[in-house]
């Protein structure tokens, strides 16, 4: 199965999860992330605002802020599109609708941050394989952001066990993560 077909199948599988079960899974995934020593030691945390049937990241984000972590969120720039990351201090005041209505940092209010300044990064994925390669949504934004990164940040995906697979199709630009956890972690 090619990446496009696989994305379609994984989105259908995720969409089929009842909202209450999706919220329960998201809570368990957040607890797994919060228990990691890499998270506890981090001063700066990168995450994304979830949309649609994604497993909500809001609980994790709010907890990171409550834990005194500096929160960094991505935004997609105007053409040529790519990801920039910005420090966010107030979820209610600092976010604006971005491309595809994803809540993004307002660049007029939120300072830009370099990836090397981030300690812990929760990277979005539709699926992840045993070698920690992820399947994203297909635009390549996160692979481009992570390309050539050094030892920081610690990059992780958090997905229910049913989205952990043996092997995903790979291309030369795909970047492996440091770890992937499930609700069983």
Protein backbone atom coordinates (compact mmCIF):
# COMPACT_ATOMS: atom_id res chain seq x y z
CA UNK A 1 0.00 0.00 0.00
CA UNK A 2 1.42 3.42 -0.89
CA UNK A 3 1.52 6.36 1.53
CA UNK A 4 -1.58 8.03 0.09
CA UNK A 5 -3.71 4.87 0.44
CA UNK A 6 -2.28 4.19 3.88
CA UNK A 7 -3.11 7.73 5.03
CA UNK A 8 -6.68 7.32 3.83
CA UNK A 9 -7.04 3.98 5.68
CA UNK A 10 -5.49 5.32 8.89
CA UNK A 11 -7.66 8.44 8.86
CA UNK A 12 -10.76 6.26 8.40
CA UNK A 13 -9.65 4.06 11.31
CA UNK A 14 -9.05 7.10 13.54
CA UNK A 15 -12.32 8.75 12.48
CA UNK A 16 -14.18 5.56 13.45
CA UNK A 17 -13.07 5.80 17.09
CA UNK A 18 -15.92 7.12 19.24
CA UNK A 19 -15.18 10.61 20.64
CA UNK A 20 -15.33 9.42 24.26
CA UNK A 21 -12.82 6.62 23.54
CA UNK A 22 -10.62 9.06 21.60
CA UNK A 23 -10.59 11.41 24.61
CA UNK A 24 -9.78 8.54 26.97
CA UNK A 25 -6.90 7.43 24.74
CA UNK A 26 -5.59 11.01 24.52
CA UNK A 27 -5.60 11.26 28.31
CA UNK A 28 -3.65 8.03 28.68
CA UNK A 29 -1.17 9.11 25.99
CA UNK A 30 -0.65 12.43 27.79
CA UNK A 31 -0.01 10.62 31.08
CA UNK A 32 2.60 8.46 29.36
CA UNK A 33 4.35 11.55 27.98
CA UNK A 34 4.27 13.35 31.32
CA UNK A 35 5.89 10.36 33.05
CA UNK A 36 8.95 10.38 30.77
CA UNK A 37 12.23 11.63 32.26
CA UNK A 38 12.90 13.53 29.02
CA UNK A 39 9.68 15.48 29.58
CA UNK A 40 10.37 16.09 33.27
CA UNK A 41 13.86 17.44 32.48
CA UNK A 42 12.68 19.61 29.57
CA UNK A 43 12.43 23.36 29.90
CA UNK A 44 10.95 23.93 26.43
CA UNK A 45 8.27 21.71 24.89
CA UNK A 46 7.06 21.66 21.29
CA UNK A 47 3.58 20.33 20.56
CA UNK A 48 0.80 20.93 18.04
CA UNK A 49 -2.80 21.96 18.49
CA UNK A 50 -4.95 19.00 17.48
CA UNK A 51 -7.84 19.29 15.05
CA UNK A 52 -10.59 17.04 13.77
CA UNK A 53 -10.36 13.45 14.96
CA UNK A 54 -6.74 13.79 16.12
CA UNK A 55 -6.06 12.64 19.65
CA UNK A 56 -6.35 15.89 21.55
CA UNK A 57 -3.14 17.50 22.69
CA UNK A 58 -4.83 20.21 24.78
CA UNK A 59 -4.50 18.33 28.08
CA UNK A 60 -0.80 17.71 27.47
CA UNK A 61 -0.23 21.33 26.42
CA UNK A 62 -2.07 22.76 29.42
CA UNK A 63 -0.18 20.47 31.78
CA UNK A 64 3.16 21.46 30.22
CA UNK A 65 2.32 25.11 30.79
CA UNK A 66 1.16 24.37 34.36
CA UNK A 67 4.46 22.54 34.93
CA UNK A 68 6.30 25.74 34.03
CA UNK A 69 7.52 24.51 30.65
CA UNK A 70 7.99 27.05 27.89
CA UNK A 71 5.47 26.05 25.21
CA UNK A 72 6.39 26.19 21.53
CA UNK A 73 3.86 25.66 18.74
CA UNK A 74 4.34 25.55 14.96
CA UNK A 75 2.84 27.76 12.31
CA UNK A 76 2.83 27.30 8.56
CA UNK A 77 4.29 30.32 6.82
CA UNK A 78 2.86 31.90 3.67
CA UNK A 79 4.37 30.64 0.42
CA UNK A 80 6.84 29.11 0.19
CA UNK A 81 5.18 27.19 2.99
CA UNK A 82 7.27 25.71 5.77
CA UNK A 83 7.06 25.38 9.55
CA UNK A 84 8.29 28.02 11.94
CA UNK A 85 8.03 27.50 15.67
CA UNK A 86 7.05 30.19 18.17
CA UNK A 87 6.90 30.49 21.95
CA UNK A 88 3.30 30.76 23.22
CA UNK A 89 2.48 32.21 26.62
CA UNK A 90 -1.32 32.38 26.50
CA UNK A 91 -3.43 29.89 24.55
CA UNK A 92 -6.45 32.22 24.54
CA UNK A 93 -4.63 35.35 23.36
CA UNK A 94 -1.67 34.10 21.32
CA UNK A 95 -3.31 31.79 18.78
CA UNK A 96 -4.93 32.65 15.46
CA UNK A 97 -6.52 30.41 12.81
CA UNK A 98 -3.85 29.28 10.39
CA UNK A 99 -3.93 27.27 7.19
CA UNK A 100 -6.70 24.65 7.39
CA UNK A 101 -7.96 26.55 10.50
CA UNK A 102 -5.31 24.94 12.70
CA UNK A 103 -4.74 27.23 15.72
CA UNK A 104 -1.25 28.70 15.30
CA UNK A 105 0.90 31.22 17.14
CA UNK A 106 0.37 34.81 16.08
CA UNK A 107 3.84 35.81 14.83
CA UNK A 108 3.14 39.41 15.86
CA UNK A 109 2.75 38.29 19.50
CA UNK A 110 4.91 35.17 19.75
CA UNK A 111 8.71 35.11 19.45
CA UNK A 112 10.21 32.76 16.90
CA UNK A 113 12.29 29.91 18.33
CA UNK A 114 14.96 27.74 16.73
CA UNK A 115 14.46 23.98 16.91
CA UNK A 116 17.75 23.54 18.81
CA UNK A 117 16.21 25.58 21.66
CA UNK A 118 13.50 22.94 22.17
CA UNK A 119 14.15 20.11 24.63
CA UNK A 120 11.12 17.85 24.06
CA UNK A 121 9.00 17.64 20.90
CA UNK A 122 5.68 15.84 20.53
CA UNK A 123 5.52 15.21 16.79
CA UNK A 124 2.16 14.54 15.09
CA UNK A 125 1.67 11.28 13.20
CA UNK A 126 -1.00 9.06 11.73
CA UNK A 127 1.12 5.98 12.46
CA UNK A 128 4.60 5.03 13.59
CA UNK A 129 6.65 1.91 12.90
CA UNK A 130 9.07 -0.23 14.92
CA UNK A 131 12.03 1.88 13.72
CA UNK A 132 10.24 5.07 14.89
CA UNK A 133 9.51 6.36 11.40
CA UNK A 134 6.20 8.19 11.25
CA UNK A 135 3.57 8.67 8.64
CA UNK A 136 2.34 12.24 8.67
CA UNK A 137 -0.27 13.98 6.59
CA UNK A 138 1.87 14.18 3.48
CA UNK A 139 3.03 17.80 3.27
CA UNK A 140 6.49 17.00 4.69
CA UNK A 141 6.51 20.01 7.03
CA UNK A 142 7.75 18.14 10.10
CA UNK A 143 10.32 16.08 8.21
CA UNK A 144 11.73 19.35 6.82
CA UNK A 145 11.74 20.92 10.30
CA UNK A 146 13.51 17.91 11.82
CA UNK A 147 15.99 17.35 8.97
CA UNK A 148 19.56 17.74 10.16
CA UNK A 149 18.61 18.23 13.80
CA UNK A 150 21.23 17.56 16.41
CA UNK A 151 20.69 15.80 19.73
CA UNK A 152 17.90 18.25 20.61
CA UNK A 153 15.04 18.10 20.76
CA UNK A 154 14.04 14.67 21.99
CA UNK A 155 11.35 13.79 19.42
CA UNK A 156 8.47 11.46 20.22
CA UNK A 157 5.12 10.37 18.81
CA UNK A 158 2.24 9.32 21.07
CA UNK A 159 -0.36 7.13 19.37
CA UNK A 160 -2.70 4.33 20.45
CA UNK A 161 -1.28 0.84 19.96
CA UNK A 162 -3.46 0.22 16.89
CA UNK A 163 -1.46 2.97 15.08
CA UNK A 164 1.91 1.34 15.81
CA UNK A 165 2.80 -0.83 12.83
CA UNK A 166 5.65 -3.11 11.85
CA UNK A 167 6.93 -1.03 8.94
CA UNK A 168 5.84 2.07 7.05
CA UNK A 169 6.82 3.05 3.51
CA UNK A 170 9.86 5.37 3.63
CA UNK A 171 11.45 7.96 1.43
CA UNK A 172 14.88 9.56 1.68
CA UNK A 173 13.50 12.70 3.37
CA UNK A 174 11.69 10.80 6.16
CA UNK A 175 13.17 11.34 9.63
CA UNK A 176 13.07 8.79 12.46
CA UNK A 177 11.98 9.92 15.91
CA UNK A 178 13.73 9.15 19.19
CA UNK A 179 10.74 7.26 20.61
CA UNK A 180 7.10 6.38 20.20
CA UNK A 181 4.68 5.48 22.97
CA UNK A 182 1.18 4.05 23.11
CA UNK A 183 -1.53 4.15 25.76
CA UNK A 184 -0.01 0.95 27.19
CA UNK A 185 3.33 2.69 27.92
